[in-house]
Amino acid sequence: MREQTVPGYTCIILLIIGNICGGIISRRAFGGEINAQSAYYILAIMLIFSALMGYYNVKRNTRAHRKWMLRSVVYFSVVISARLIMLAARLIVSNIGTYHSLWRCDEVFFIVKDENTLIQQFPQCSSSTPSDNGLYVPVHASIYEGKLGTAAAVRVVQGMALWVATIIHMALVEAYIRSTESANSQRHGFVLEARDFDSEKTYSPRNSYW
């Protein structure tokens, strides 16, 4: 059991630390869009809560422990699905061609690297210190318009991708838990067995499969 317990506790501790750091970073990540921020915060709460509930039920209720740890793992993988959704979504919004995201002039300057290009595309950003200009300008979201357009497309779809992935993962993990409920009905030793599990029959010396 120690081989499983120590890594489990370590994982929970690192998970909490990582989510706290992620929550801090999300204020600025992908432009700090409020829809992306809210998705990050809710996901972090869901993930930490499910992990702690799994820890709480380790020795109290094995069935509940299994359910909460399954939820924790599935919630943790939301970002993977969100990434795949984002790759498809940014292509869609680029083909639609009417989406924009708000960027500060200093953010645009960081991408284009050239002051003349910045002023040519965004005259509003004209300043003696473009790297410190906090004025916001709309940037066309399109993966066909270089690094800036691609970054704008990613910023547009990031929050949506996180929310969609979260909903999908929540629905699928609950469906899986319900569908496997009868197969993990009772505890026998350190494992969960089916509702109709017969320990005497399974572990009997007469059983040719044992």
Protein backbone atom coordinates (compact mmCIF):
# COMPACT_ATOMS: atom_id res chain seq x y z
CA MET A 1 0.00 0.00 0.00
CA ARG A 2 2.89 2.37 0.70
CA GLU A 3 3.92 2.15 -2.96
CA GLN A 4 0.57 3.69 -3.83
CA THR A 5 0.07 5.98 -0.84
CA VAL A 6 3.29 8.00 -0.99
CA PRO A 7 3.00 8.87 -4.72
CA GLY A 8 -0.68 9.65 -4.18
CA TYR A 9 -0.02 12.12 -1.37
CA THR A 10 2.84 13.66 -3.33
CA CYS A 11 0.63 14.06 -6.38
CA ILE A 12 -2.09 15.82 -4.36
CA ILE A 13 0.40 18.24 -2.80
CA LEU A 14 1.96 19.08 -6.16
CA LEU A 15 -1.50 19.36 -7.69
CA ILE A 16 -2.57 21.97 -5.15
CA ILE A 17 0.64 23.95 -5.61
CA GLY A 18 0.36 23.75 -9.39
CA ASN A 19 -3.25 24.92 -9.41
CA ILE A 20 -2.48 27.86 -7.14
CA CYS A 21 0.33 28.90 -9.47
CA GLY A 22 -1.91 28.33 -12.48
CA GLY A 23 -4.59 30.53 -10.94
CA ILE A 24 -2.06 33.33 -10.56
CA ILE A 25 -0.81 32.96 -14.12
CA SER A 26 -4.32 32.79 -15.58
CA ARG A 27 -4.76 36.49 -14.80
CA ARG A 28 -2.36 37.17 -17.68
CA ALA A 29 -2.42 33.97 -19.73
CA PHE A 30 -3.76 34.41 -23.27
CA GLY A 31 -4.42 38.06 -22.57
CA GLY A 32 -6.28 37.43 -19.33
CA GLU A 33 -9.68 37.19 -21.02
CA ILE A 34 -12.39 36.87 -18.37
CA ASN A 35 -13.92 33.75 -19.93
CA ALA A 36 -10.54 32.00 -19.85
CA GLN A 37 -9.88 33.20 -16.30
CA SER A 38 -13.20 31.89 -15.04
CA ALA A 39 -12.61 28.53 -16.73
CA TYR A 40 -9.17 28.20 -15.14
CA TYR A 41 -10.46 29.10 -11.68
CA ILE A 42 -13.47 26.77 -11.81
CA LEU A 43 -11.34 23.94 -13.17
CA ALA A 44 -8.77 24.45 -10.41
CA ILE A 45 -11.50 24.34 -7.75
CA MET A 46 -13.02 21.20 -9.25
CA LEU A 47 -9.66 19.50 -9.49
CA ILE A 48 -8.47 20.31 -5.97
CA PHE A 49 -11.85 19.49 -4.43
CA SER A 50 -12.09 16.10 -6.14
CA ALA A 51 -8.50 15.23 -5.18
CA LEU A 52 -9.09 16.16 -1.54
CA MET A 53 -12.35 14.22 -1.46
CA GLY A 54 -10.51 11.23 -2.88
CA TYR A 55 -7.88 11.59 -0.16
CA TYR A 56 -10.56 11.93 2.53
CA ASN A 57 -12.20 8.67 1.47
CA VAL A 58 -9.03 6.58 1.09
CA LYS A 59 -9.70 4.54 4.23
CA ARG A 60 -13.30 5.53 4.89
CA ASN A 61 -15.07 4.55 1.68
CA THR A 62 -13.22 2.81 -1.13
CA ARG A 63 -16.08 3.24 -3.59
CA ALA A 64 -16.24 6.98 -2.98
CA HIS A 65 -12.44 7.17 -3.18
CA ARG A 66 -12.51 5.54 -6.60
CA LYS A 67 -15.17 7.92 -7.89
CA TRP A 68 -13.46 11.08 -6.70
CA MET A 69 -10.05 10.04 -7.97
CA LEU A 70 -11.53 9.20 -11.36
CA ARG A 71 -13.06 12.67 -11.45
CA SER A 72 -9.74 14.19 -10.44
CA VAL A 73 -7.82 12.46 -13.23
CA VAL A 74 -10.43 13.32 -15.84
CA TYR A 75 -10.60 16.97 -14.76
CA PHE A 76 -6.82 17.12 -14.88
CA SER A 77 -6.87 16.10 -18.54
CA VAL A 78 -9.33 18.83 -19.54
CA VAL A 79 -6.48 21.00 -20.81
CA ILE A 80 -5.52 18.30 -23.32
CA SER A 81 -8.98 18.22 -24.85
CA ALA A 82 -9.16 22.00 -24.69
CA ARG A 83 -5.98 22.19 -26.72
CA LEU A 84 -7.44 19.95 -29.42
CA ILE A 85 -10.68 21.94 -29.47
CA MET A 86 -8.69 25.15 -29.70
CA LEU A 87 -6.76 23.92 -32.74
CA ALA A 88 -10.02 23.25 -34.57
CA ALA A 89 -11.78 26.37 -33.28
CA ARG A 90 -9.07 28.80 -34.34
CA LEU A 91 -9.29 27.43 -37.88
CA ILE A 92 -13.06 27.92 -37.85
CA VAL A 93 -12.93 31.51 -36.60
CA SER A 94 -10.19 32.27 -39.13
CA ASN A 95 -12.37 31.03 -41.98
CA ILE A 96 -15.35 33.00 -40.69
CA GLY A 97 -13.12 36.05 -40.68
CA THR A 98 -15.11 38.42 -38.46
CA TYR A 99 -13.55 37.77 -35.06
CA HIS A 100 -11.20 40.15 -33.27
CA SER A 101 -9.51 40.25 -29.89
CA LEU A 102 -8.36 43.24 -27.88
CA TRP A 103 -4.63 43.70 -27.46
CA ARG A 104 -2.60 46.37 -25.73
CA CYS A 105 -0.21 48.21 -27.99
CA ASP A 106 2.77 46.97 -26.00
CA GLU A 107 1.56 43.38 -26.50
CA VAL A 108 1.29 43.93 -30.24
CA PHE A 109 4.75 45.47 -30.28
CA PHE A 110 6.13 42.42 -28.48
CA ILE A 111 4.85 40.23 -31.33
CA VAL A 112 5.69 42.37 -34.37
CA LYS A 113 9.03 43.56 -32.93
CA ASP A 114 9.16 46.51 -35.32
CA GLU A 115 7.86 49.99 -34.46
CA ASN A 116 7.21 50.96 -38.09
CA THR A 117 5.12 47.82 -38.65
CA LEU A 118 3.23 48.53 -35.45
CA ILE A 119 2.37 52.10 -36.43
CA GLN A 120 1.50 51.08 -39.99
CA GLN A 121 -1.00 48.45 -38.85
CA PHE A 122 -2.21 50.27 -35.74
CA PRO A 123 -1.77 54.06 -35.99
CA GLN A 124 -3.39 54.41 -32.56
CA CYS A 125 -0.28 52.82 -31.08
CA SER A 126 1.95 55.68 -32.19
CA SER A 127 4.03 56.59 -29.16
CA SER A 128 7.54 57.55 -28.19
CA THR A 129 7.65 54.38 -26.07
CA PRO A 130 5.56 51.70 -27.86
CA SER A 131 6.77 49.03 -25.47
CA ASP A 132 4.95 50.84 -22.63
CA ASN A 133 1.81 51.90 -24.48
CA GLY A 134 -1.25 50.54 -22.65
CA LEU A 135 -3.82 51.55 -25.28
CA TYR A 136 -6.03 48.70 -26.52
CA VAL A 137 -6.58 47.95 -30.21
CA PRO A 138 -8.64 45.25 -31.98
CA VAL A 139 -6.56 42.58 -33.70
CA HIS A 140 -8.07 40.43 -36.42
CA ALA A 141 -8.16 36.76 -35.41
CA SER A 142 -6.81 34.72 -38.29
CA ILE A 143 -4.17 32.03 -38.52
CA TYR A 144 -3.52 33.22 -42.07
CA GLU A 145 -2.14 36.58 -40.94
CA GLY A 146 1.15 35.70 -39.34
CA LYS A 147 2.09 35.37 -35.70
CA LEU A 148 -0.10 38.23 -34.53
CA GLY A 149 -3.22 36.94 -36.27
CA THR A 150 -2.59 33.41 -35.01
CA ALA A 151 -2.10 34.63 -31.45
CA ALA A 152 -5.30 36.66 -31.71
CA ALA A 153 -7.19 33.59 -32.93
CA VAL A 154 -5.88 31.56 -30.01
CA ARG A 155 -6.91 34.28 -27.58
CA VAL A 156 -10.42 34.39 -29.03
CA VAL A 157 -11.09 30.66 -28.67
CA GLN A 158 -9.14 29.82 -25.51
CA GLY A 159 -11.90 30.40 -22.97
CA MET A 160 -14.54 28.71 -25.09
CA ALA A 161 -12.31 25.67 -25.59
CA LEU A 162 -11.73 25.31 -21.85
CA TRP A 163 -15.43 25.53 -21.01
CA VAL A 164 -16.48 23.08 -23.73
CA ALA A 165 -13.77 20.61 -22.72
CA THR A 166 -14.76 20.90 -19.06
CA ILE A 167 -18.42 20.15 -19.81
CA ILE A 168 -17.49 17.19 -22.02
CA HIS A 169 -15.17 15.70 -19.41
CA MET A 170 -17.70 16.15 -16.62
CA ALA A 171 -20.41 14.40 -18.62
CA LEU A 172 -18.17 11.53 -19.72
CA VAL A 173 -16.68 10.78 -16.31
CA GLU A 174 -20.11 10.73 -14.67
CA ALA A 175 -21.39 8.43 -17.41
CA TYR A 176 -18.42 6.12 -16.88
CA ILE A 177 -18.88 6.06 -13.11
CA ARG A 178 -22.54 5.17 -13.49
CA SER A 179 -21.87 2.49 -16.09
CA THR A 180 -19.23 0.79 -13.91
CA GLU A 181 -21.10 1.10 -10.62
CA SER A 182 -22.18 -2.54 -10.48
CA ALA A 183 -18.68 -3.76 -11.35
CA ASN A 184 -17.23 -1.91 -8.36
CA SER A 185 -19.93 -2.55 -5.81
CA GLN A 186 -18.13 -4.11 -2.85
CA ARG A 187 -14.68 -4.07 -1.36
CA HIS A 188 -12.72 -7.28 -1.07
CA GLY A 189 -9.26 -6.83 0.36
CA PHE A 190 -7.72 -3.87 -1.42
CA VAL A 191 -9.87 -4.03 -4.55
CA LEU A 192 -13.48 -3.42 -5.55
CA GLU A 193 -15.46 -6.30 -6.94
CA ALA A 194 -18.79 -6.70 -8.73
CA ARG A 195 -22.09 -6.80 -6.87
CA ASP A 196 -22.47 -10.54 -7.49
CA PHE A 197 -18.88 -11.34 -6.46
CA ASP A 198 -18.54 -14.56 -4.44
CA SER A 199 -15.23 -14.64 -2.57
CA GLU A 200 -15.59 -18.26 -1.46
CA LYS A 201 -16.27 -19.47 -4.97
CA THR A 202 -13.55 -17.34 -6.55
CA TYR A 203 -10.79 -18.22 -4.10
CA SER A 204 -11.79 -21.80 -3.40
CA PRO A 205 -8.99 -24.39 -3.87
CA ARG A 206 -11.44 -26.33 -6.02
CA ASN A 207 -11.57 -23.51 -8.52
CA SER A 208 -9.43 -24.59 -11.44
CA TYR A 209 -8.71 -20.99 -12.39
CA TRP A 210 -7.03 -20.12 -9.07
